[in-house]
Amino acid sequence: QKRAQLPVDVTDARMWLFGVARNL
C-alpha cells in the first residue's frame, strides 16, 4: 500500500519493512 514511500536502497527498504513489522 505504501510502495511509493519504500526506500530505493535495498538495505534501507529492509529496515523500513522491519520498522513496519515492529509497529505491527
mmCIF file of all heavy atoms, coordinates in Angstrom:
data_MODEL
# 
_entry.id   MODEL 
# 
loop_
_atom_site.group_PDB 
_atom_site.id 
_atom_site.type_symbol 
_atom_site.label_atom_id 
_atom_site.label_alt_id 
_atom_site.label_comp_id 
_atom_site.label_asym_id 
_atom_site.label_entity_id 
_atom_site.label_seq_id 
_atom_site.pdbx_PDB_ins_code 
_atom_site.Cartn_x 
_atom_site.Cartn_y 
_atom_site.Cartn_z 
_atom_site.occupancy 
_atom_site.B_iso_or_equiv 
_atom_site.pdbx_formal_charge 
_atom_site.auth_seq_id 
_atom_site.auth_comp_id 
_atom_site.auth_asym_id 
_atom_site.auth_atom_id 
_atom_site.pdbx_PDB_model_num 
ATOM 1   N N   . GLN A 1 1  ? 0.816  -1.205 0.000  1.00 0.00 ? 1  GLN A N   1 
ATOM 2   C CA  . GLN A 1 1  ? 0.000  0.000  0.000  1.00 0.00 ? 1  GLN A CA  1 
ATOM 3   C C   . GLN A 1 1  ? 0.858  1.268  0.000  1.00 0.00 ? 1  GLN A C   1 
ATOM 4   O O   . GLN A 1 1  ? 0.455  2.298  -0.532 1.00 0.00 ? 1  GLN A O   1 
ATOM 5   C CB  . GLN A 1 1  ? -0.933 0.006  1.220  1.00 0.00 ? 1  GLN A CB  1 
ATOM 6   C CG  . GLN A 1 1  ? -2.028 -1.028 1.136  1.00 0.00 ? 1  GLN A CG  1 
ATOM 7   C CD  . GLN A 1 1  ? -2.807 -1.183 2.443  1.00 0.00 ? 1  GLN A CD  1 
ATOM 8   O OE1 . GLN A 1 1  ? -2.324 -0.817 3.510  1.00 0.00 ? 1  GLN A OE1 1 
ATOM 9   N NE2 . GLN A 1 1  ? -4.009 -1.732 2.348  1.00 0.00 ? 1  GLN A NE2 1 
ATOM 10  N N   . LYS A 1 2  ? 2.024  1.197  0.615  1.00 0.00 ? 2  LYS A N   1 
ATOM 11  C CA  . LYS A 1 2  ? 2.890  2.379  0.715  1.00 0.00 ? 2  LYS A CA  1 
ATOM 12  C C   . LYS A 1 2  ? 4.153  2.206  -0.126 1.00 0.00 ? 2  LYS A C   1 
ATOM 13  O O   . LYS A 1 2  ? 5.207  2.748  0.209  1.00 0.00 ? 2  LYS A O   1 
ATOM 14  C CB  . LYS A 1 2  ? 3.244  2.625  2.184  1.00 0.00 ? 2  LYS A CB  1 
ATOM 15  C CG  . LYS A 1 2  ? 2.027  2.928  3.031  1.00 0.00 ? 2  LYS A CG  1 
ATOM 16  C CD  . LYS A 1 2  ? 2.412  3.315  4.429  1.00 0.00 ? 2  LYS A CD  1 
ATOM 17  C CE  . LYS A 1 2  ? 1.143  3.698  5.183  1.00 0.00 ? 2  LYS A CE  1 
ATOM 18  N NZ  . LYS A 1 2  ? 1.431  4.392  6.403  1.00 0.00 ? 2  LYS A NZ  1 
ATOM 19  N N   . ARG A 1 3  ? 4.040  1.467  -1.212 1.00 0.00 ? 3  ARG A N   1 
ATOM 20  C CA  . ARG A 1 3  ? 5.211  1.181  -2.042 1.00 0.00 ? 3  ARG A CA  1 
ATOM 21  C C   . ARG A 1 3  ? 5.872  2.452  -2.578 1.00 0.00 ? 3  ARG A C   1 
ATOM 22  O O   . ARG A 1 3  ? 7.070  2.463  -2.843 1.00 0.00 ? 3  ARG A O   1 
ATOM 23  C CB  . ARG A 1 3  ? 4.863  0.204  -3.151 1.00 0.00 ? 3  ARG A CB  1 
ATOM 24  C CG  . ARG A 1 3  ? 3.841  0.683  -4.142 1.00 0.00 ? 3  ARG A CG  1 
ATOM 25  C CD  . ARG A 1 3  ? 3.438  -0.459 -5.092 1.00 0.00 ? 3  ARG A CD  1 
ATOM 26  N NE  . ARG A 1 3  ? 2.399  -0.045 -5.996 1.00 0.00 ? 3  ARG A NE  1 
ATOM 27  C CZ  . ARG A 1 3  ? 1.091  -0.088 -5.727 1.00 0.00 ? 3  ARG A CZ  1 
ATOM 28  N NH1 . ARG A 1 3  ? 0.677  -0.534 -4.554 1.00 0.00 ? 3  ARG A NH1 1 
ATOM 29  N NH2 . ARG A 1 3  ? 0.208  0.301  -6.620 1.00 0.00 ? 3  ARG A NH2 1 
ATOM 30  N N   . ALA A 1 4  ? 5.099  3.521  -2.699 1.00 0.00 ? 4  ALA A N   1 
ATOM 31  C CA  . ALA A 1 4  ? 5.694  4.783  -3.166 1.00 0.00 ? 4  ALA A CA  1 
ATOM 32  C C   . ALA A 1 4  ? 6.660  5.352  -2.121 1.00 0.00 ? 4  ALA A C   1 
ATOM 33  O O   . ALA A 1 4  ? 7.588  6.085  -2.468 1.00 0.00 ? 4  ALA A O   1 
ATOM 34  C CB  . ALA A 1 4  ? 4.594  5.798  -3.468 1.00 0.00 ? 4  ALA A CB  1 
ATOM 35  N N   . GLN A 1 5  ? 6.457  5.007  -0.846 1.00 0.00 ? 5  GLN A N   1 
ATOM 36  C CA  . GLN A 1 5  ? 7.321  5.504  0.232  1.00 0.00 ? 5  GLN A CA  1 
ATOM 37  C C   . GLN A 1 5  ? 8.498  4.564  0.501  1.00 0.00 ? 5  GLN A C   1 
ATOM 38  O O   . GLN A 1 5  ? 9.384  4.894  1.283  1.00 0.00 ? 5  GLN A O   1 
ATOM 39  C CB  . GLN A 1 5  ? 6.512  5.670  1.519  1.00 0.00 ? 5  GLN A CB  1 
ATOM 40  C CG  . GLN A 1 5  ? 5.386  6.661  1.404  1.00 0.00 ? 5  GLN A CG  1 
ATOM 41  C CD  . GLN A 1 5  ? 4.497  6.632  2.645  1.00 0.00 ? 5  GLN A CD  1 
ATOM 42  O OE1 . GLN A 1 5  ? 4.840  6.062  3.664  1.00 0.00 ? 5  GLN A OE1 1 
ATOM 43  N NE2 . GLN A 1 5  ? 3.338  7.258  2.539  1.00 0.00 ? 5  GLN A NE2 1 
ATOM 44  N N   . LEU A 1 6  ? 8.473  3.387  -0.097 1.00 0.00 ? 6  LEU A N   1 
ATOM 45  C CA  . LEU A 1 6  ? 9.512  2.388  0.132  1.00 0.00 ? 6  LEU A CA  1 
ATOM 46  C C   . LEU A 1 6  ? 10.858 2.912  -0.378 1.00 0.00 ? 6  LEU A C   1 
ATOM 47  O O   . LEU A 1 6  ? 10.961 3.360  -1.521 1.00 0.00 ? 6  LEU A O   1 
ATOM 48  C CB  . LEU A 1 6  ? 9.142  1.097  -0.610 1.00 0.00 ? 6  LEU A CB  1 
ATOM 49  C CG  . LEU A 1 6  ? 9.889  -0.172 -0.262 1.00 0.00 ? 6  LEU A CG  1 
ATOM 50  C CD1 . LEU A 1 6  ? 9.644  -0.547 1.196  1.00 0.00 ? 6  LEU A CD1 1 
ATOM 51  C CD2 . LEU A 1 6  ? 9.452  -1.300 -1.170 1.00 0.00 ? 6  LEU A CD2 1 
ATOM 52  N N   . PRO A 1 7  ? 11.896 2.899  0.464  1.00 0.00 ? 7  PRO A N   1 
ATOM 53  C CA  . PRO A 1 7  ? 13.210 3.387  0.028  1.00 0.00 ? 7  PRO A CA  1 
ATOM 54  C C   . PRO A 1 7  ? 13.747 2.568  -1.155 1.00 0.00 ? 7  PRO A C   1 
ATOM 55  O O   . PRO A 1 7  ? 13.474 1.377  -1.272 1.00 0.00 ? 7  PRO A O   1 
ATOM 56  C CB  . PRO A 1 7  ? 14.094 3.193  1.262  1.00 0.00 ? 7  PRO A CB  1 
ATOM 57  C CG  . PRO A 1 7  ? 13.143 3.146  2.418  1.00 0.00 ? 7  PRO A CG  1 
ATOM 58  C CD  . PRO A 1 7  ? 11.893 2.523  1.870  1.00 0.00 ? 7  PRO A CD  1 
ATOM 59  N N   . VAL A 1 8  ? 14.518 3.207  -1.975 1.00 0.00 ? 8  VAL A N   1 
ATOM 60  C CA  . VAL A 1 8  ? 15.077 2.562  -3.165 1.00 0.00 ? 8  VAL A CA  1 
ATOM 61  C C   . VAL A 1 8  ? 16.202 1.610  -2.788 1.00 0.00 ? 8  VAL A C   1 
ATOM 62  O O   . VAL A 1 8  ? 16.316 0.503  -3.320 1.00 0.00 ? 8  VAL A O   1 
ATOM 63  C CB  . VAL A 1 8  ? 15.558 3.628  -4.181 1.00 0.00 ? 8  VAL A CB  1 
ATOM 64  C CG1 . VAL A 1 8  ? 16.228 2.984  -5.380 1.00 0.00 ? 8  VAL A CG1 1 
ATOM 65  C CG2 . VAL A 1 8  ? 14.401 4.499  -4.615 1.00 0.00 ? 8  VAL A CG2 1 
ATOM 66  N N   . ASP A 1 9  ? 17.037 2.029  -1.856 1.00 0.00 ? 9  ASP A N   1 
ATOM 67  C CA  . ASP A 1 9  ? 18.158 1.213  -1.409 1.00 0.00 ? 9  ASP A CA  1 
ATOM 68  C C   . ASP A 1 9  ? 17.639 -0.050 -0.721 1.00 0.00 ? 9  ASP A C   1 
ATOM 69  O O   . ASP A 1 9  ? 16.731 0.009  0.121  1.00 0.00 ? 9  ASP A O   1 
ATOM 70  C CB  . ASP A 1 9  ? 19.037 2.015  -0.434 1.00 0.00 ? 9  ASP A CB  1 
ATOM 71  C CG  . ASP A 1 9  ? 20.210 1.210  0.058  1.00 0.00 ? 9  ASP A CG  1 
ATOM 72  O OD1 . ASP A 1 9  ? 21.109 0.926  -0.755 1.00 0.00 ? 9  ASP A OD1 1 
ATOM 73  O OD2 . ASP A 1 9  ? 20.195 0.853  1.263  1.00 0.00 ? 9  ASP A OD2 1 
ATOM 74  N N   . VAL A 1 10 ? 18.213 -1.210 -1.076 1.00 0.00 ? 10 VAL A N   1 
ATOM 75  C CA  . VAL A 1 10 ? 17.749 -2.495 -0.547 1.00 0.00 ? 10 VAL A CA  1 
ATOM 76  C C   . VAL A 1 10 ? 17.865 -2.551 0.979  1.00 0.00 ? 10 VAL A C   1 
ATOM 77  O O   . VAL A 1 10 ? 16.943 -2.996 1.668  1.00 0.00 ? 10 VAL A O   1 
ATOM 78  C CB  . VAL A 1 10 ? 18.535 -3.662 -1.198 1.00 0.00 ? 10 VAL A CB  1 
ATOM 79  C CG1 . VAL A 1 10 ? 18.165 -4.985 -0.568 1.00 0.00 ? 10 VAL A CG1 1 
ATOM 80  C CG2 . VAL A 1 10 ? 18.289 -3.694 -2.690 1.00 0.00 ? 10 VAL A CG2 1 
ATOM 81  N N   . THR A 1 11 ? 18.970 -2.099 1.522  1.00 0.00 ? 11 THR A N   1 
ATOM 82  C CA  . THR A 1 11 ? 19.163 -2.123 2.977  1.00 0.00 ? 11 THR A CA  1 
ATOM 83  C C   . THR A 1 11 ? 18.159 -1.198 3.661  1.00 0.00 ? 11 THR A C   1 
ATOM 84  O O   . THR A 1 11 ? 17.550 -1.576 4.674  1.00 0.00 ? 11 THR A O   1 
ATOM 85  C CB  . THR A 1 11 ? 20.606 -1.716 3.340  1.00 0.00 ? 11 THR A CB  1 
ATOM 86  O OG1 . THR A 1 11 ? 21.511 -2.603 2.683  1.00 0.00 ? 11 THR A OG1 1 
ATOM 87  C CG2 . THR A 1 11 ? 20.828 -1.780 4.841  1.00 0.00 ? 11 THR A CG2 1 
ATOM 88  N N   . ASP A 1 12 ? 17.980 -0.013 3.121  1.00 0.00 ? 12 ASP A N   1 
ATOM 89  C CA  . ASP A 1 12 ? 17.011 0.918  3.699  1.00 0.00 ? 12 ASP A CA  1 
ATOM 90  C C   . ASP A 1 12 ? 15.582 0.368  3.603  1.00 0.00 ? 12 ASP A C   1 
ATOM 91  O O   . ASP A 1 12 ? 14.796 0.517  4.534  1.00 0.00 ? 12 ASP A O   1 
ATOM 92  C CB  . ASP A 1 12 ? 17.084 2.277  3.000  1.00 0.00 ? 12 ASP A CB  1 
ATOM 93  C CG  . ASP A 1 12 ? 18.382 3.019  3.306  1.00 0.00 ? 12 ASP A CG  1 
ATOM 94  O OD1 . ASP A 1 12 ? 19.037 2.680  4.309  1.00 0.00 ? 12 ASP A OD1 1 
ATOM 95  O OD2 . ASP A 1 12 ? 18.715 3.946  2.537  1.00 0.00 ? 12 ASP A OD2 1 
ATOM 96  N N   . ALA A 1 13 ? 15.278 -0.265 2.474  1.00 0.00 ? 13 ALA A N   1 
ATOM 97  C CA  . ALA A 1 13 ? 13.946 -0.854 2.295  1.00 0.00 ? 13 ALA A CA  1 
ATOM 98  C C   . ALA A 1 13 ? 13.718 -1.973 3.312  1.00 0.00 ? 13 ALA A C   1 
ATOM 99  O O   . ALA A 1 13 ? 12.640 -2.091 3.899  1.00 0.00 ? 13 ALA A O   1 
ATOM 100 C CB  . ALA A 1 13 ? 13.788 -1.386 0.873  1.00 0.00 ? 13 ALA A CB  1 
ATOM 101 N N   . ARG A 1 14 ? 14.755 -2.771 3.538  1.00 0.00 ? 14 ARG A N   1 
ATOM 102 C CA  . ARG A 1 14 ? 14.658 -3.857 4.526  1.00 0.00 ? 14 ARG A CA  1 
ATOM 103 C C   . ARG A 1 14 ? 14.411 -3.286 5.917  1.00 0.00 ? 14 ARG A C   1 
ATOM 104 O O   . ARG A 1 14 ? 13.555 -3.758 6.653  1.00 0.00 ? 14 ARG A O   1 
ATOM 105 C CB  . ARG A 1 14 ? 15.944 -4.680 4.492  1.00 0.00 ? 14 ARG A CB  1 
ATOM 106 C CG  . ARG A 1 14 ? 15.948 -5.862 5.417  1.00 0.00 ? 14 ARG A CG  1 
ATOM 107 C CD  . ARG A 1 14 ? 17.210 -6.711 5.188  1.00 0.00 ? 14 ARG A CD  1 
ATOM 108 N NE  . ARG A 1 14 ? 17.195 -7.884 6.009  1.00 0.00 ? 14 ARG A NE  1 
ATOM 109 C CZ  . ARG A 1 14 ? 17.753 -7.959 7.220  1.00 0.00 ? 14 ARG A CZ  1 
ATOM 110 N NH1 . ARG A 1 14 ? 18.378 -6.917 7.714  1.00 0.00 ? 14 ARG A NH1 1 
ATOM 111 N NH2 . ARG A 1 14 ? 17.683 -9.072 7.913  1.00 0.00 ? 14 ARG A NH2 1 
ATOM 112 N N   . MET A 1 15 ? 15.150 -2.264 6.276  1.00 0.00 ? 15 MET A N   1 
ATOM 113 C CA  . MET A 1 15 ? 14.987 -1.647 7.594  1.00 0.00 ? 15 MET A CA  1 
ATOM 114 C C   . MET A 1 15 ? 13.614 -1.001 7.724  1.00 0.00 ? 15 MET A C   1 
ATOM 115 O O   . MET A 1 15 ? 12.977 -1.066 8.777  1.00 0.00 ? 15 MET A O   1 
ATOM 116 C CB  . MET A 1 15 ? 16.096 -0.614 7.849  1.00 0.00 ? 15 MET A CB  1 
ATOM 117 C CG  . MET A 1 15 ? 17.500 -1.227 7.900  1.00 0.00 ? 15 MET A CG  1 
ATOM 118 S SD  . MET A 1 15 ? 17.636 -2.682 8.976  1.00 0.00 ? 15 MET A SD  1 
ATOM 119 C CE  . MET A 1 15 ? 17.271 -1.980 10.554 1.00 0.00 ? 15 MET A CE  1 
ATOM 120 N N   . TRP A 1 16 ? 13.154 -0.376 6.647  1.00 0.00 ? 16 TRP A N   1 
ATOM 121 C CA  . TRP A 1 16 ? 11.820 0.232  6.650  1.00 0.00 ? 16 TRP A CA  1 
ATOM 122 C C   . TRP A 1 16 ? 10.759 -0.832 6.897  1.00 0.00 ? 16 TRP A C   1 
ATOM 123 O O   . TRP A 1 16 ? 9.853  -0.649 7.708  1.00 0.00 ? 16 TRP A O   1 
ATOM 124 C CB  . TRP A 1 16 ? 11.580 0.939  5.310  1.00 0.00 ? 16 TRP A CB  1 
ATOM 125 C CG  . TRP A 1 16 ? 10.266 1.637  5.187  1.00 0.00 ? 16 TRP A CG  1 
ATOM 126 C CD1 . TRP A 1 16 ? 9.973  2.908  5.569  1.00 0.00 ? 16 TRP A CD1 1 
ATOM 127 C CD2 . TRP A 1 16 ? 9.062  1.108  4.621  1.00 0.00 ? 16 TRP A CD2 1 
ATOM 128 N NE1 . TRP A 1 16 ? 8.660  3.203  5.286  1.00 0.00 ? 16 TRP A NE1 1 
ATOM 129 C CE2 . TRP A 1 16 ? 8.073  2.107  4.700  1.00 0.00 ? 16 TRP A CE2 1 
ATOM 130 C CE3 . TRP A 1 16 ? 8.724  -0.113 4.055  1.00 0.00 ? 16 TRP A CE3 1 
ATOM 131 C CZ2 . TRP A 1 16 ? 6.773  1.925  4.244  1.00 0.00 ? 16 TRP A CZ2 1 
ATOM 132 C CZ3 . TRP A 1 16 ? 7.432  -0.300 3.593  1.00 0.00 ? 16 TRP A CZ3 1 
ATOM 133 C CH2 . TRP A 1 16 ? 6.473  0.715  3.696  1.00 0.00 ? 16 TRP A CH2 1 
ATOM 134 N N   . LEU A 1 17 ? 10.905 -1.978 6.206  1.00 0.00 ? 17 LEU A N   1 
ATOM 135 C CA  . LEU A 1 17 ? 9.940  -3.066 6.352  1.00 0.00 ? 17 LEU A CA  1 
ATOM 136 C C   . LEU A 1 17 ? 9.976  -3.646 7.763  1.00 0.00 ? 17 LEU A C   1 
ATOM 137 O O   . LEU A 1 17 ? 8.936  -3.949 8.349  1.00 0.00 ? 17 LEU A O   1 
ATOM 138 C CB  . LEU A 1 17 ? 10.206 -4.147 5.301  1.00 0.00 ? 17 LEU A CB  1 
ATOM 139 C CG  . LEU A 1 17 ? 9.115  -5.170 5.085  1.00 0.00 ? 17 LEU A CG  1 
ATOM 140 C CD1 . LEU A 1 17 ? 7.772  -4.507 4.781  1.00 0.00 ? 17 LEU A CD1 1 
ATOM 141 C CD2 . LEU A 1 17 ? 9.491  -6.115 3.959  1.00 0.00 ? 17 LEU A CD2 1 
ATOM 142 N N   . PHE A 1 18 ? 11.179 -3.777 8.333  1.00 0.00 ? 18 PHE A N   1 
ATOM 143 C CA  . PHE A 1 18 ? 11.272 -4.254 9.713  1.00 0.00 ? 18 PHE A CA  1 
ATOM 144 C C   . PHE A 1 18 ? 10.669 -3.236 10.688 1.00 0.00 ? 18 PHE A C   1 
ATOM 145 O O   . PHE A 1 18 ? 10.104 -3.603 11.709 1.00 0.00 ? 18 PHE A O   1 
ATOM 146 C CB  . PHE A 1 18 ? 12.725 -4.590 10.089 1.00 0.00 ? 18 PHE A CB  1 
ATOM 147 C CG  . PHE A 1 18 ? 13.091 -6.014 9.810  1.00 0.00 ? 18 PHE A CG  1 
ATOM 148 C CD1 . PHE A 1 18 ? 13.530 -6.392 8.551  1.00 0.00 ? 18 PHE A CD1 1 
ATOM 149 C CD2 . PHE A 1 18 ? 12.962 -6.987 10.786 1.00 0.00 ? 18 PHE A CD2 1 
ATOM 150 C CE1 . PHE A 1 18 ? 13.856 -7.700 8.275  1.00 0.00 ? 18 PHE A CE1 1 
ATOM 151 C CE2 . PHE A 1 18 ? 13.278 -8.311 10.523 1.00 0.00 ? 18 PHE A CE2 1 
ATOM 152 C CZ  . PHE A 1 18 ? 13.731 -8.675 9.258  1.00 0.00 ? 18 PHE A CZ  1 
ATOM 153 N N   . GLY A 1 19 ? 10.776 -1.957 10.362 1.00 0.00 ? 19 GLY A N   1 
ATOM 154 C CA  . GLY A 1 19 ? 10.121 -0.928 11.186 1.00 0.00 ? 19 GLY A CA  1 
ATOM 155 C C   . GLY A 1 19 ? 8.605  -1.091 11.149 1.00 0.00 ? 19 GLY A C   1 
ATOM 156 O O   . GLY A 1 19 ? 7.929  -0.961 12.179 1.00 0.00 ? 19 GLY A O   1 
ATOM 157 N N   . VAL A 1 20 ? 8.081  -1.401 9.972  1.00 0.00 ? 20 VAL A N   1 
ATOM 158 C CA  . VAL A 1 20 ? 6.640  -1.662 9.846  1.00 0.00 ? 20 VAL A CA  1 
ATOM 159 C C   . VAL A 1 20 ? 6.268  -2.867 10.705 1.00 0.00 ? 20 VAL A C   1 
ATOM 160 O O   . VAL A 1 20 ? 5.288  -2.848 11.460 1.00 0.00 ? 20 VAL A O   1 
ATOM 161 C CB  . VAL A 1 20 ? 6.239  -1.890 8.362  1.00 0.00 ? 20 VAL A CB  1 
ATOM 162 C CG1 . VAL A 1 20 ? 4.828  -2.429 8.252  1.00 0.00 ? 20 VAL A CG1 1 
ATOM 163 C CG2 . VAL A 1 20 ? 6.389  -0.604 7.570  1.00 0.00 ? 20 VAL A CG2 1 
ATOM 164 N N   . ALA A 1 21 ? 7.073  -3.932 10.605 1.00 0.00 ? 21 ALA A N   1 
ATOM 165 C CA  . ALA A 1 21 ? 6.808  -5.141 11.393 1.00 0.00 ? 21 ALA A CA  1 
ATOM 166 C C   . ALA A 1 21 ? 6.862  -4.843 12.888 1.00 0.00 ? 21 ALA A C   1 
ATOM 167 O O   . ALA A 1 21 ? 6.028  -5.330 13.665 1.00 0.00 ? 21 ALA A O   1 
ATOM 168 C CB  . ALA A 1 21 ? 7.815  -6.231 11.034 1.00 0.00 ? 21 ALA A CB  1 
ATOM 169 N N   . ARG A 1 22 ? 7.827  -4.042 13.289 1.00 0.00 ? 22 ARG A N   1 
ATOM 170 C CA  . ARG A 1 22 ? 7.951  -3.671 14.711 1.00 0.00 ? 22 ARG A CA  1 
ATOM 171 C C   . ARG A 1 22 ? 6.707  -2.923 15.184 1.00 0.00 ? 22 ARG A C   1 
ATOM 172 O O   . ARG A 1 22 ? 6.187  -3.178 16.268 1.00 0.00 ? 22 ARG A O   1 
ATOM 173 C CB  . ARG A 1 22 ? 9.195  -2.812 14.913 1.00 0.00 ? 22 ARG A CB  1 
ATOM 174 C CG  . ARG A 1 22 ? 9.445  -2.424 16.341 1.00 0.00 ? 22 ARG A CG  1 
ATOM 175 C CD  . ARG A 1 22 ? 10.792 -1.695 16.463 1.00 0.00 ? 22 ARG A CD  1 
ATOM 176 N NE  . ARG A 1 22 ? 10.988 -1.231 17.805 1.00 0.00 ? 22 ARG A NE  1 
ATOM 177 C CZ  . ARG A 1 22 ? 10.603 -0.039 18.253 1.00 0.00 ? 22 ARG A CZ  1 
ATOM 178 N NH1 . ARG A 1 22 ? 10.000 0.820  17.467 1.00 0.00 ? 22 ARG A NH1 1 
ATOM 179 N NH2 . ARG A 1 22 ? 10.830 0.311  19.497 1.00 0.00 ? 22 ARG A NH2 1 
ATOM 180 N N   . ASN A 1 23 ? 6.219  -1.993 14.371 1.00 0.00 ? 23 ASN A N   1 
ATOM 181 C CA  . ASN A 1 23 ? 4.998  -1.261 14.727 1.00 0.00 ? 23 ASN A CA  1 
ATOM 182 C C   . ASN A 1 23 ? 3.795  -2.205 14.818 1.00 0.00 ? 23 ASN A C   1 
ATOM 183 O O   . ASN A 1 23 ? 2.962  -2.072 15.717 1.00 0.00 ? 23 ASN A O   1 
ATOM 184 C CB  . ASN A 1 23 ? 4.720  -0.146 13.724 1.00 0.00 ? 23 ASN A CB  1 
ATOM 185 C CG  . ASN A 1 23 ? 5.707  0.984  13.853 1.00 0.00 ? 23 ASN A CG  1 
ATOM 186 O OD1 . ASN A 1 23 ? 6.329  1.174  14.888 1.00 0.00 ? 23 ASN A OD1 1 
ATOM 187 N ND2 . ASN A 1 23 ? 5.881  1.729  12.770 1.00 0.00 ? 23 ASN A ND2 1 
ATOM 188 N N   . LEU A 1 24 ? 3.722  -3.148 13.891 1.00 0.00 ? 24 LEU A N   1 
ATOM 189 C CA  . LEU A 1 24 ? 2.624  -4.111 13.936 1.00 0.00 ? 24 LEU A CA  1 
ATOM 190 C C   . LEU A 1 24 ? 2.715  -4.978 15.194 1.00 0.00 ? 24 LEU A C   1 
ATOM 191 O O   . LEU A 1 24 ? 1.696  -5.298 15.814 1.00 0.00 ? 24 LEU A O   1 
ATOM 192 C CB  . LEU A 1 24 ? 2.623  -4.984 12.678 1.00 0.00 ? 24 LEU A CB  1 
ATOM 193 C CG  . LEU A 1 24 ? 2.219  -4.275 11.386 1.00 0.00 ? 24 LEU A CG  1 
ATOM 194 C CD1 . LEU A 1 24 ? 2.506  -5.152 10.176 1.00 0.00 ? 24 LEU A CD1 1 
ATOM 195 C CD2 . LEU A 1 24 ? 0.744  -3.879 11.416 1.00 0.00 ? 24 LEU A CD2 1 
# 
